[in-house]
Amino acid sequence: LFEHSEVALSVVITIGALTAFLTGLLGIVQQDIKRVIAYSTLSQLGYMTVALGASAYGAGIFHLMTHAFFKALLFLAAGSVIIALHHEQDIRKMGGLRKYLPITYWTSVIGTLALIGFPGFAGFFSKDALIDAVGHSETPGAGLAYWAVLLGVFVTSLYSFRLLFVVFHGEERID
């Protein structure tokens, strides 16, 4: 039934695109390390929804699976940071942690590269598949969705690297 309703596909692709883009923007302004990652998860769910609206079910499930692994890695790294800082979650009170938590830093780098879709990492292949499917979709709203998810890739890079650099680089703001 879903496939036979162009209206349903159009609504799903549009809502997914707006979710992917707007929740990514919310991730930029968060100061809590877990909230940045949580809004990132919502943004990536928007990508998966866009794939469903474009009838690219395989691409949506592929992104669900890759996202599960690199997001789990990022949440584990955030947990490591939070425990190391005695349950501090405000990224404004972090900084310079690279030298104190080198393994956590490198796992965060790997997770971030996968999340932003850096070539060679899982996110590159899954995001590429769904963005390509949206670009070729003839569902009404696919043009808007295509540009929203394309801009969403840059927004994802912005909040991901912001988190990485604020937490692990720069001046130390820890007690």
Protein backbone atom coordinates (compact mmCIF):
# COMPACT_ATOMS: atom_id res chain seq x y z
CA LEU A 1 0.00 0.00 0.00
CA PHE A 2 2.82 2.37 0.85
CA GLU A 3 4.36 2.00 -2.60
CA HIS A 4 1.04 2.66 -4.31
CA SER A 5 0.47 5.99 -2.58
CA GLU A 6 2.52 8.78 -4.09
CA VAL A 7 1.19 11.11 -1.41
CA ALA A 8 2.49 8.85 1.37
CA LEU A 9 5.92 8.59 -0.28
CA SER A 10 6.00 12.35 -0.74
CA VAL A 11 5.11 13.03 2.90
CA VAL A 12 7.69 10.53 4.14
CA ILE A 13 10.52 11.85 1.95
CA THR A 14 9.75 15.47 2.91
CA ILE A 15 9.45 14.81 6.65
CA GLY A 16 12.62 12.71 6.57
CA ALA A 17 14.56 15.42 4.74
CA LEU A 18 13.44 18.15 7.12
CA THR A 19 14.26 15.91 10.09
CA ALA A 20 17.73 15.13 8.74
CA PHE A 21 18.55 18.79 8.18
CA LEU A 22 16.84 20.52 11.11
CA THR A 23 17.89 18.10 13.84
CA GLY A 24 21.44 18.39 12.50
CA LEU A 25 21.19 22.14 13.05
CA LEU A 26 20.04 21.47 16.61
CA GLY A 27 23.13 19.31 17.12
CA ILE A 28 25.32 22.32 16.35
CA VAL A 29 24.00 24.39 19.26
CA GLN A 30 24.02 21.70 21.98
CA GLN A 31 26.52 21.93 24.83
CA ASP A 32 25.88 18.49 26.36
CA ILE A 33 28.11 15.81 24.83
CA LYS A 34 25.34 13.18 24.84
CA ARG A 35 22.78 15.58 23.37
CA VAL A 36 25.02 16.37 20.42
CA ILE A 37 25.25 12.66 19.67
CA ALA A 38 21.52 12.17 20.32
CA TYR A 39 20.53 14.92 17.87
CA SER A 40 22.95 13.36 15.43
CA THR A 41 21.04 10.11 15.80
CA LEU A 42 17.76 11.89 15.04
CA SER A 43 19.35 13.45 11.98
CA GLN A 44 20.54 10.07 10.74
CA LEU A 45 17.05 8.64 11.30
CA GLY A 46 15.87 11.40 8.98
CA TYR A 47 18.27 10.09 6.33
CA MET A 48 16.83 6.61 6.73
CA THR A 49 13.29 7.98 6.41
CA VAL A 50 14.25 9.85 3.24
CA ALA A 51 15.45 6.56 1.79
CA LEU A 52 12.07 4.99 2.56
CA GLY A 53 10.28 7.86 0.82
CA ALA A 54 12.50 7.32 -2.21
CA SER A 55 11.61 3.59 -2.17
CA ALA A 56 15.24 2.75 -1.46
CA TYR A 57 14.55 0.32 1.36
CA GLY A 58 17.89 -1.45 1.04
CA ALA A 59 19.78 1.85 1.34
CA GLY A 60 17.73 2.80 4.40
CA ILE A 61 18.42 -0.50 6.16
CA PHE A 62 22.08 -0.36 5.14
CA HIS A 63 22.39 3.09 6.73
CA LEU A 64 20.53 1.82 9.81
CA MET A 65 23.11 -0.93 10.27
CA THR A 66 26.21 1.17 9.62
CA HIS A 67 24.83 3.96 11.78
CA ALA A 68 24.23 1.55 14.65
CA PHE A 69 27.90 0.63 14.79
CA PHE A 70 29.54 4.03 14.43
CA LYS A 71 27.02 5.70 16.73
CA ALA A 72 27.58 3.02 19.37
CA LEU A 73 31.29 3.77 19.10
CA LEU A 74 30.63 7.50 19.60
CA PHE A 75 28.35 6.92 22.59
CA LEU A 76 30.94 4.61 24.19
CA ALA A 77 33.61 7.26 23.66
CA ALA A 78 31.33 9.92 25.17
CA GLY A 79 30.77 7.64 28.15
CA SER A 80 34.51 7.27 28.56
CA VAL A 81 34.90 11.06 28.58
CA ILE A 82 32.02 11.53 31.01
CA ILE A 83 33.38 8.94 33.45
CA ALA A 84 36.92 10.33 33.18
CA LEU A 85 35.58 13.79 34.08
CA HIS A 86 33.50 12.53 37.02
CA HIS A 87 30.15 12.73 35.20
CA GLU A 88 30.70 16.11 33.56
CA GLN A 89 28.73 16.33 30.30
CA ASP A 90 29.10 20.02 29.40
CA ILE A 91 31.57 20.29 26.52
CA ARG A 92 32.37 23.88 27.55
CA LYS A 93 34.12 22.39 30.59
CA MET A 94 36.25 20.04 28.51
CA GLY A 95 39.15 20.56 26.14
CA GLY A 96 42.62 19.20 25.61
CA LEU A 97 41.56 15.66 26.53
CA ARG A 98 43.50 14.12 23.66
CA LYS A 99 46.62 13.70 25.78
CA TYR A 100 44.72 12.25 28.75
CA LEU A 101 42.43 9.89 26.80
CA PRO A 102 44.34 8.86 23.65
CA ILE A 103 42.41 5.64 22.98
CA THR A 104 39.10 7.44 23.44
CA TYR A 105 40.33 10.18 21.14
CA TRP A 106 41.20 7.79 18.32
CA THR A 107 37.96 5.86 18.66
CA SER A 108 36.12 9.20 18.49
CA VAL A 109 38.05 10.11 15.35
CA ILE A 110 37.09 6.80 13.72
CA GLY A 111 33.44 7.18 14.73
CA THR A 112 33.37 10.78 13.51
CA LEU A 113 34.88 9.90 10.14
CA ALA A 114 32.29 7.15 9.70
CA LEU A 115 29.47 9.49 10.75
CA ILE A 116 30.39 12.25 8.33
CA GLY A 117 30.67 9.81 5.46
CA PHE A 118 34.41 10.07 4.90
CA PRO A 119 35.50 7.92 1.93
CA GLY A 120 36.46 4.40 2.93
CA PHE A 121 34.33 4.39 6.08
CA ALA A 122 30.93 2.71 6.47
CA GLY A 123 28.95 5.95 6.52
CA PHE A 124 30.34 6.92 3.13
CA PHE A 125 28.86 3.88 1.44
CA SER A 126 25.49 3.97 3.19
CA LYS A 127 24.93 7.73 2.83
CA ASP A 128 26.08 7.65 -0.77
CA ALA A 129 23.57 4.90 -1.56
CA LEU A 130 20.63 6.74 -0.08
CA ILE A 131 21.56 10.19 -1.41
CA ASP A 132 21.97 8.66 -4.86
CA ALA A 133 18.55 7.02 -4.55
CA VAL A 134 16.95 10.31 -3.52
CA GLY A 135 18.66 12.08 -6.42
CA HIS A 136 17.13 9.60 -8.87
CA SER A 137 13.70 9.49 -7.21
CA GLU A 138 10.69 10.88 -9.01
CA THR A 139 8.64 11.15 -5.84
CA PRO A 140 7.18 14.65 -5.40
CA GLY A 141 9.41 16.44 -2.90
CA ALA A 142 12.51 14.48 -3.90
CA GLY A 143 14.23 17.63 -5.19
CA LEU A 144 13.83 19.37 -1.83
CA ALA A 145 14.83 16.17 -0.05
CA TYR A 146 17.95 15.80 -2.18
CA TRP A 147 19.21 19.27 -1.33
CA ALA A 148 18.25 18.91 2.34
CA VAL A 149 20.22 15.68 2.77
CA LEU A 150 23.13 17.06 0.76
CA LEU A 151 23.25 20.13 3.02
CA GLY A 152 22.75 17.77 5.95
CA VAL A 153 26.06 16.11 5.12
CA PHE A 154 27.84 19.43 5.70
CA VAL A 155 25.84 20.09 8.87
CA THR A 156 26.82 16.62 10.12
CA SER A 157 30.48 17.43 9.51
CA LEU A 158 30.10 20.74 11.33
CA TYR A 159 28.60 19.41 14.58
CA SER A 160 30.77 16.28 14.53
CA PHE A 161 34.07 18.11 14.17
CA ARG A 162 32.92 20.80 16.59
CA LEU A 163 32.38 18.10 19.20
CA LEU A 164 35.71 16.42 18.43
CA PHE A 165 37.72 19.64 18.54
CA VAL A 166 36.02 21.19 21.59
CA VAL A 167 36.39 18.02 23.67
CA PHE A 168 39.82 16.79 22.60
CA HIS A 169 41.72 19.83 21.31
CA GLY A 170 42.30 23.41 22.42
CA GLU A 171 42.93 24.66 25.90
CA GLU A 172 42.19 22.50 28.89
CA ARG A 173 39.08 23.57 30.77
CA ILE A 174 39.03 20.65 33.20
CA ASP A 175 39.45 20.77 36.97
